[in-house]
Amino acid sequence: MKFLRVMLLMTFLTTAFAPAAQAAAPVGSLKQYRVPTANSKPRYITNGVDGNQWFTESSEFLPPAIGRITPAGAITEFAITCNFCILNDIIQGPDGILYFTSNDPILGRITTAGAQLTSIPMPDFDVLAGNLDVHGNEMWITDFNNNSVWRYNIVTSVFTQFVPPTPAATPADVVVDAAGTVWFTESGAGQIGRLNPATGIITETATGVFPQGIAIATDGQIWFTSRFSPQAVGRLNPATNVVTVFPVTNVGPQSIAAAPDGSLWFTQTTAGNIAKIGSDGVIAEAKAVKGSEPFGITVDSAGNPWYTMMAANKIAEFQLR
């Protein structure tokens, strides 16, 4: 394991709050597919290189499993061997292998054929692995339990730890831009972290909310959600460090994913639906399903969002028209 001490470059709070305008509901049809195992709690979902979507099942009362859903909606579940673990995030790796996290100090792996590979032990037993992103041969992992962001090099098998300067920053979600800069939400500190992997320097930008999910739009703007009070969807301009926050009420924004057309889609856990936000901050909400609790979301190459319904035990696809 390598450890890089980070330098603090704290930005001033330059946050503008703008009312979120509402647009008509997006045009499309909602498809729902029930997960075969009851009460499996599908959590996060990602696009696989095989053309399918892959998702984690996070029930604390059932054996852990990872699901695969085809474009036609056929679901196959693959049992996962780990020590009483509860699965969390999942992402497609550059080597054709899917990587996943749990509350165990491991980085799990599964092939697109459904074969579980040997898990990779994290270097700190207290690690509570969070969310994932990948850039080249580097896997990035948030560790809110240890106030850290980890880099795992798939070629060298070396872990490197980066610690934000703010105590209890609580890194939650992470995304890497095209240049390799790492962006992550600090849900405990109300900030967005910006990490230069080459220097170890972390810049933290205050947001005025408590960011959870994070994504990068096609124009390079950084978007994030704030599920808990104050609820909002926000945008950070990486060139100016200016944050614009669009407040919402009683919808519970959680995960967010970029779409090919420049917009973003995010899950609304309380409202029971997903919503689309454009670069202008205008929000269009899709059909709500009562008691569904949408959580993770991804957008396929055609621009259609796929998302998990934790409480309804379903995978949903919104097919645009």
Protein backbone atom coordinates (compact mmCIF):
# COMPACT_ATOMS: atom_id res chain seq x y z
CA MET A 1 0.00 0.00 0.00
CA LYS A 2 1.12 3.55 -0.70
CA PHE A 3 -0.04 6.59 1.22
CA LEU A 4 0.01 10.13 -0.14
CA ARG A 5 -0.35 13.05 2.24
CA VAL A 6 -2.61 15.62 0.65
CA MET A 7 -2.32 19.38 0.64
CA LEU A 8 -5.31 21.54 1.44
CA LEU A 9 -6.52 24.11 -1.05
CA MET A 10 -9.83 25.33 0.32
CA THR A 11 -12.08 27.38 -1.92
CA PHE A 12 -14.45 30.06 -0.71
CA LEU A 13 -18.15 29.36 -0.81
CA THR A 14 -19.35 30.62 -4.17
CA THR A 15 -22.72 28.97 -4.30
CA ALA A 16 -25.76 30.33 -6.08
CA PHE A 17 -29.20 28.93 -5.27
CA ALA A 18 -31.53 28.95 -8.23
CA PRO A 19 -35.13 27.72 -8.32
CA ALA A 20 -35.49 24.49 -10.26
CA ALA A 21 -37.91 25.02 -13.11
CA GLN A 22 -40.23 22.17 -14.01
CA ALA A 23 -40.82 20.87 -17.52
CA ALA A 24 -43.39 18.44 -18.87
CA ALA A 25 -42.75 14.76 -18.16
CA PRO A 26 -40.23 13.14 -20.52
CA VAL A 27 -41.83 11.17 -23.33
CA GLY A 28 -41.30 7.45 -23.01
CA SER A 29 -42.56 4.25 -21.44
CA LEU A 30 -41.62 2.73 -18.10
CA LYS A 31 -40.70 -0.95 -18.12
CA GLN A 32 -40.45 -2.84 -14.81
CA TYR A 33 -38.78 -6.22 -14.29
CA ARG A 34 -39.13 -8.10 -11.03
CA VAL A 35 -35.96 -9.61 -9.52
CA PRO A 36 -36.57 -13.38 -9.08
CA THR A 37 -35.39 -13.48 -5.45
CA ALA A 38 -37.95 -11.76 -3.23
CA ASN A 39 -36.79 -8.87 -1.03
CA SER A 40 -33.33 -8.84 -2.63
CA LYS A 41 -33.05 -5.02 -2.45
CA PRO A 42 -31.38 -4.20 -5.79
CA ARG A 43 -29.09 -1.25 -5.06
CA TYR A 44 -26.59 -0.02 -7.68
CA ILE A 45 -26.57 -0.73 -11.40
CA THR A 46 -24.04 -0.34 -14.22
CA ASN A 47 -23.60 -0.97 -17.94
CA GLY A 48 -21.64 -4.10 -18.84
CA VAL A 49 -19.42 -4.51 -21.89
CA ASP A 50 -21.62 -7.46 -22.83
CA GLY A 51 -24.53 -5.12 -23.56
CA ASN A 52 -26.39 -6.04 -20.38
CA GLN A 53 -26.93 -4.13 -17.14
CA TRP A 54 -25.48 -5.51 -13.90
CA PHE A 55 -26.71 -4.76 -10.40
CA THR A 56 -26.00 -5.56 -6.76
CA GLU A 57 -28.51 -7.13 -4.37
CA SER A 58 -28.09 -5.66 -0.91
CA SER A 59 -30.50 -7.46 1.42
CA GLU A 60 -29.02 -7.95 4.88
CA PHE A 61 -31.19 -11.04 5.39
CA LEU A 62 -30.38 -12.98 2.21
CA PRO A 63 -27.18 -14.44 0.73
CA PRO A 64 -25.44 -11.79 -1.39
CA ALA A 65 -25.94 -11.89 -5.16
CA ILE A 66 -25.27 -9.93 -8.32
CA GLY A 67 -27.89 -9.72 -11.02
CA ARG A 68 -27.65 -9.39 -14.78
CA ILE A 69 -30.52 -8.06 -16.88
CA THR A 70 -30.62 -8.25 -20.67
CA PRO A 71 -32.08 -5.53 -22.90
CA ALA A 72 -35.17 -7.75 -23.18
CA GLY A 73 -35.57 -7.82 -19.39
CA ALA A 74 -34.38 -11.38 -18.62
CA ILE A 75 -32.71 -11.47 -15.20
CA THR A 76 -30.10 -13.97 -14.01
CA GLU A 77 -28.76 -13.93 -10.45
CA PHE A 78 -25.27 -15.05 -9.42
CA ALA A 79 -24.53 -16.00 -5.82
CA ILE A 80 -21.55 -14.23 -4.23
CA THR A 81 -19.30 -15.78 -1.61
CA CYS A 82 -18.20 -13.39 1.13
CA ASN A 83 -18.32 -13.13 4.91
CA PHE A 84 -21.84 -11.94 5.76
CA CYS A 85 -21.35 -9.04 3.39
CA ILE A 86 -23.93 -6.58 2.11
CA LEU A 87 -23.18 -5.58 -1.48
CA ASN A 88 -23.01 -1.95 -2.51
CA ASP A 89 -21.69 -0.49 -5.78
CA ILE A 90 -20.70 -2.18 -9.05
CA ILE A 91 -18.84 -1.00 -12.16
CA GLN A 92 -17.41 -2.43 -15.36
CA GLY A 93 -13.61 -2.66 -15.25
CA PRO A 94 -11.23 -2.11 -18.16
CA ASP A 95 -10.25 -5.79 -18.23
CA GLY A 96 -13.78 -6.99 -19.00
CA ILE A 97 -14.37 -7.84 -15.33
CA LEU A 98 -17.00 -6.22 -13.15
CA TYR A 99 -15.83 -4.90 -9.77
CA PHE A 100 -18.05 -4.47 -6.73
CA THR A 101 -17.88 -3.26 -3.14
CA SER A 102 -19.53 -4.30 0.09
CA ASN A 103 -19.24 -3.73 3.82
CA ASP A 104 -16.37 -6.25 3.80
CA PRO A 105 -12.80 -4.90 3.32
CA ILE A 106 -12.58 -6.43 -0.16
CA LEU A 107 -12.84 -5.45 -3.78
CA GLY A 108 -14.98 -8.13 -5.38
CA ARG A 109 -14.81 -9.27 -9.00
CA ILE A 110 -17.13 -11.16 -11.33
CA THR A 111 -16.88 -11.89 -15.06
CA THR A 112 -19.59 -11.10 -17.58
CA ALA A 113 -20.15 -14.86 -17.76
CA GLY A 114 -21.15 -14.77 -14.10
CA ALA A 115 -18.04 -16.44 -12.65
CA GLN A 116 -16.88 -14.95 -9.35
CA LEU A 117 -13.15 -14.34 -9.21
CA THR A 118 -10.98 -14.16 -6.11
CA SER A 119 -11.74 -10.98 -4.18
CA ILE A 120 -8.95 -8.47 -3.62
CA PRO A 121 -8.32 -7.69 0.08
CA MET A 122 -8.24 -4.00 0.91
CA PRO A 123 -5.12 -2.94 2.84
CA ASP A 124 -6.98 -1.69 5.92
CA PHE A 125 -9.30 -4.08 7.77
CA ASP A 126 -11.49 -1.17 8.83
CA VAL A 127 -12.21 -0.14 5.25
CA LEU A 128 -15.91 0.20 4.49
CA ALA A 129 -15.78 0.34 0.73
CA GLY A 130 -18.26 2.69 -0.87
CA ASN A 131 -18.70 3.70 -4.48
CA LEU A 132 -16.53 3.12 -7.54
CA ASP A 133 -15.29 4.64 -10.76
CA VAL A 134 -12.59 3.56 -13.18
CA HIS A 135 -10.13 5.38 -15.43
CA GLY A 136 -7.69 3.39 -17.54
CA ASN A 137 -6.16 0.74 -15.28
CA GLU A 138 -7.06 2.57 -12.09
CA MET A 139 -10.05 1.79 -9.89
CA TRP A 140 -11.17 4.54 -7.51
CA ILE A 141 -13.01 3.68 -4.30
CA THR A 142 -14.56 5.86 -1.62
CA ASP A 143 -14.07 4.80 1.99
CA PHE A 144 -16.35 6.92 4.19
CA ASN A 145 -15.48 4.89 7.29
CA ASN A 146 -11.81 5.98 7.11
CA ASN A 147 -12.39 9.38 5.48
CA SER A 148 -10.39 8.25 2.46
CA VAL A 149 -10.36 7.74 -1.28
CA TRP A 150 -8.39 4.73 -2.53
CA ARG A 151 -6.77 4.04 -5.87
CA TYR A 152 -6.25 0.44 -6.95
CA ASN A 153 -3.99 -0.17 -9.93
CA ILE A 154 -5.30 -3.23 -11.75
CA VAL A 155 -1.92 -3.94 -13.38
CA THR A 156 0.38 -3.53 -10.36
CA SER A 157 -2.17 -4.54 -7.67
CA VAL A 158 -1.06 -1.54 -5.58
CA PHE A 159 -3.47 0.40 -3.37
CA THR A 160 -2.83 4.09 -2.66
CA GLN A 161 -4.73 5.99 0.00
CA PHE A 162 -5.68 9.67 -0.26
CA VAL A 163 -7.10 11.41 2.82
CA PRO A 164 -9.09 14.64 2.48
CA PRO A 165 -7.82 17.43 4.74
CA THR A 166 -11.26 18.01 6.26
CA PRO A 167 -11.91 15.67 9.22
CA ALA A 168 -15.05 13.58 8.82
CA ALA A 169 -15.45 14.68 5.20
CA THR A 170 -17.07 11.28 4.57
CA PRO A 171 -16.35 10.58 0.87
CA ALA A 172 -19.51 9.06 -0.62
CA ASP A 173 -19.42 8.86 -4.42
CA VAL A 174 -16.62 9.27 -6.95
CA VAL A 175 -16.19 9.99 -10.66
CA VAL A 176 -13.13 10.53 -12.87
CA ASP A 177 -13.07 12.96 -15.78
CA ALA A 178 -11.38 12.43 -19.15
CA ALA A 179 -8.12 14.03 -17.95
CA GLY A 180 -7.90 11.68 -14.96
CA THR A 181 -8.92 14.22 -12.31
CA VAL A 182 -10.88 12.54 -9.52
CA TRP A 183 -14.03 14.20 -8.18
CA PHE A 184 -15.85 12.97 -5.10
CA THR A 185 -18.67 14.05 -2.81
CA GLU A 186 -17.97 14.78 0.84
CA SER A 187 -21.38 14.10 2.35
CA GLY A 188 -20.26 14.83 5.90
CA ALA A 189 -18.63 18.17 5.11
CA GLY A 190 -20.95 19.50 2.42
CA GLN A 191 -18.13 19.72 -0.11
CA ILE A 192 -16.91 18.41 -3.45
CA GLY A 193 -13.36 17.08 -3.45
CA ARG A 194 -11.07 17.42 -6.45
CA LEU A 195 -7.98 15.18 -6.46
CA ASN A 196 -4.95 15.42 -8.71
CA PRO A 197 -3.61 11.84 -8.64
CA ALA A 198 -0.14 12.89 -9.80
CA THR A 199 0.46 15.33 -6.95
CA GLY A 200 -1.92 14.11 -4.26
CA ILE A 201 -3.33 17.64 -3.92
CA ILE A 202 -6.99 17.77 -2.94
CA THR A 203 -9.06 20.91 -3.44
CA GLU A 204 -12.35 21.09 -1.54
CA THR A 205 -15.25 23.25 -2.66
CA ALA A 206 -18.15 24.04 -0.33
CA THR A 207 -21.62 23.49 -1.80
CA GLY A 208 -24.10 24.66 0.82
CA VAL A 209 -25.73 21.21 0.80
CA PHE A 210 -24.67 17.64 1.64
CA PRO A 211 -23.77 15.98 -1.68
CA GLN A 212 -24.30 12.25 -2.25
CA GLY A 213 -24.19 11.09 -5.88
CA ILE A 214 -21.89 12.60 -8.51
CA ALA A 215 -21.59 12.51 -12.32
CA ILE A 216 -19.91 14.43 -15.13
CA ALA A 217 -22.02 15.80 -17.99
CA THR A 218 -20.81 15.65 -21.57
CA ASP A 219 -19.75 19.33 -21.35
CA GLY A 220 -17.47 18.56 -18.38
CA GLN A 221 -19.66 20.13 -15.70
CA ILE A 222 -19.77 18.27 -12.37
CA TRP A 223 -23.27 17.42 -11.13
CA PHE A 224 -24.29 16.07 -7.74
CA THR A 225 -27.32 15.24 -5.63
CA SER A 226 -28.20 16.13 -2.04
CA ARG A 227 -30.69 13.61 -0.71
CA PHE A 228 -31.04 14.91 2.82
CA SER A 229 -32.03 18.37 3.97
CA PRO A 230 -31.50 20.58 2.13
CA GLN A 231 -32.58 18.45 -0.82
CA ALA A 232 -31.16 19.61 -4.14
CA VAL A 233 -29.39 18.87 -7.38
CA GLY A 234 -26.22 20.90 -7.89
CA ARG A 235 -23.67 21.78 -10.55
CA LEU A 236 -20.00 22.68 -10.11
CA ASN A 237 -18.17 24.48 -12.89
CA PRO A 238 -14.64 23.01 -12.76
CA ALA A 239 -13.15 26.06 -14.50
CA THR A 240 -14.51 28.66 -12.08
CA ASN A 241 -15.36 26.61 -8.96
CA VAL A 242 -18.78 28.25 -8.97
CA VAL A 243 -21.53 26.03 -7.57
CA THR A 244 -25.16 26.37 -8.62
CA VAL A 245 -27.73 24.57 -6.51
CA PHE A 246 -31.27 23.77 -7.66
CA PRO A 247 -33.40 23.05 -4.55
CA VAL A 248 -36.11 20.39 -4.69
CA THR A 249 -38.63 19.30 -2.06
CA ASN A 250 -39.65 15.88 -0.74
CA VAL A 251 -38.20 13.83 -3.61
CA GLY A 252 -34.95 12.45 -2.09
CA PRO A 253 -32.34 12.81 -4.88
CA GLN A 254 -29.84 9.95 -4.56
CA SER A 255 -27.86 8.67 -7.57
CA ILE A 256 -27.14 10.57 -10.78
CA ALA A 257 -25.90 9.52 -14.23
CA ALA A 258 -24.95 11.44 -17.36
CA ALA A 259 -26.79 10.92 -20.65
CA PRO A 260 -25.34 11.18 -24.18
CA ASP A 261 -27.46 14.24 -25.00
CA GLY A 262 -25.84 16.37 -22.28
CA SER A 263 -28.60 15.96 -19.71
CA LEU A 264 -28.49 13.96 -16.48
CA TRP A 265 -30.88 11.54 -14.85
CA PHE A 266 -31.23 11.06 -11.11
CA THR A 267 -33.24 8.84 -8.80
CA GLN A 268 -35.84 10.33 -6.46
CA THR A 269 -36.12 7.84 -3.61
CA THR A 270 -39.00 9.55 -1.82
CA ALA A 271 -41.01 10.48 -4.89
CA GLY A 272 -40.68 6.97 -6.37
CA ASN A 273 -39.42 8.02 -9.78
CA ILE A 274 -36.49 9.36 -11.76
CA ALA A 275 -36.04 12.84 -13.16
CA LYS A 276 -34.08 14.48 -15.96
CA ILE A 277 -32.22 17.76 -15.52
CA GLY A 278 -30.74 19.83 -18.32
CA SER A 279 -27.80 22.21 -18.29
CA ASP A 280 -30.31 25.03 -17.66
CA GLY A 281 -31.50 23.41 -14.43
CA VAL A 282 -34.94 22.53 -15.80
CA ILE A 283 -36.24 19.28 -14.30
CA ALA A 284 -38.63 16.83 -15.97
CA GLU A 285 -40.00 14.03 -13.78
CA ALA A 286 -40.92 10.59 -15.10
CA LYS A 287 -43.84 8.49 -13.92
CA ALA A 288 -43.82 7.72 -10.20
CA VAL A 289 -44.32 4.24 -8.73
CA LYS A 290 -45.54 4.40 -5.14
CA GLY A 291 -43.32 2.67 -2.61
CA SER A 292 -40.64 1.73 -5.17
CA GLU A 293 -37.64 3.60 -3.64
CA PRO A 294 -35.46 4.15 -6.73
CA PHE A 295 -31.75 4.11 -5.82
CA GLY A 296 -28.96 3.38 -8.33
CA ILE A 297 -29.11 4.56 -11.94
CA THR A 298 -27.19 4.22 -15.19
CA VAL A 299 -27.85 5.37 -18.76
CA ASP A 300 -27.30 3.02 -21.69
CA SER A 301 -25.72 3.96 -25.03
CA ALA A 302 -29.15 4.76 -26.50
CA GLY A 303 -29.80 7.29 -23.73
CA ASN A 304 -32.33 5.17 -21.86
CA PRO A 305 -31.98 5.24 -18.06
CA TRP A 306 -32.01 1.97 -16.11
CA TYR A 307 -32.47 2.08 -12.36
CA THR A 308 -33.06 -0.06 -9.32
CA MET A 309 -36.23 -0.07 -7.22
CA MET A 310 -35.04 -1.22 -3.81
CA ALA A 311 -38.41 -1.45 -2.05
CA ALA A 312 -40.31 -2.81 -5.08
CA ASN A 313 -37.57 -5.41 -5.77
CA LYS A 314 -37.46 -4.47 -9.44
CA ILE A 315 -35.22 -3.16 -12.17
CA ALA A 316 -36.77 -0.41 -14.24
CA GLU A 317 -36.01 0.94 -17.68
CA PHE A 318 -37.39 4.21 -19.03
CA GLN A 319 -37.53 3.81 -22.80
CA LEU A 320 -37.43 7.22 -24.43
CA ARG A 321 -39.48 8.05 -27.47
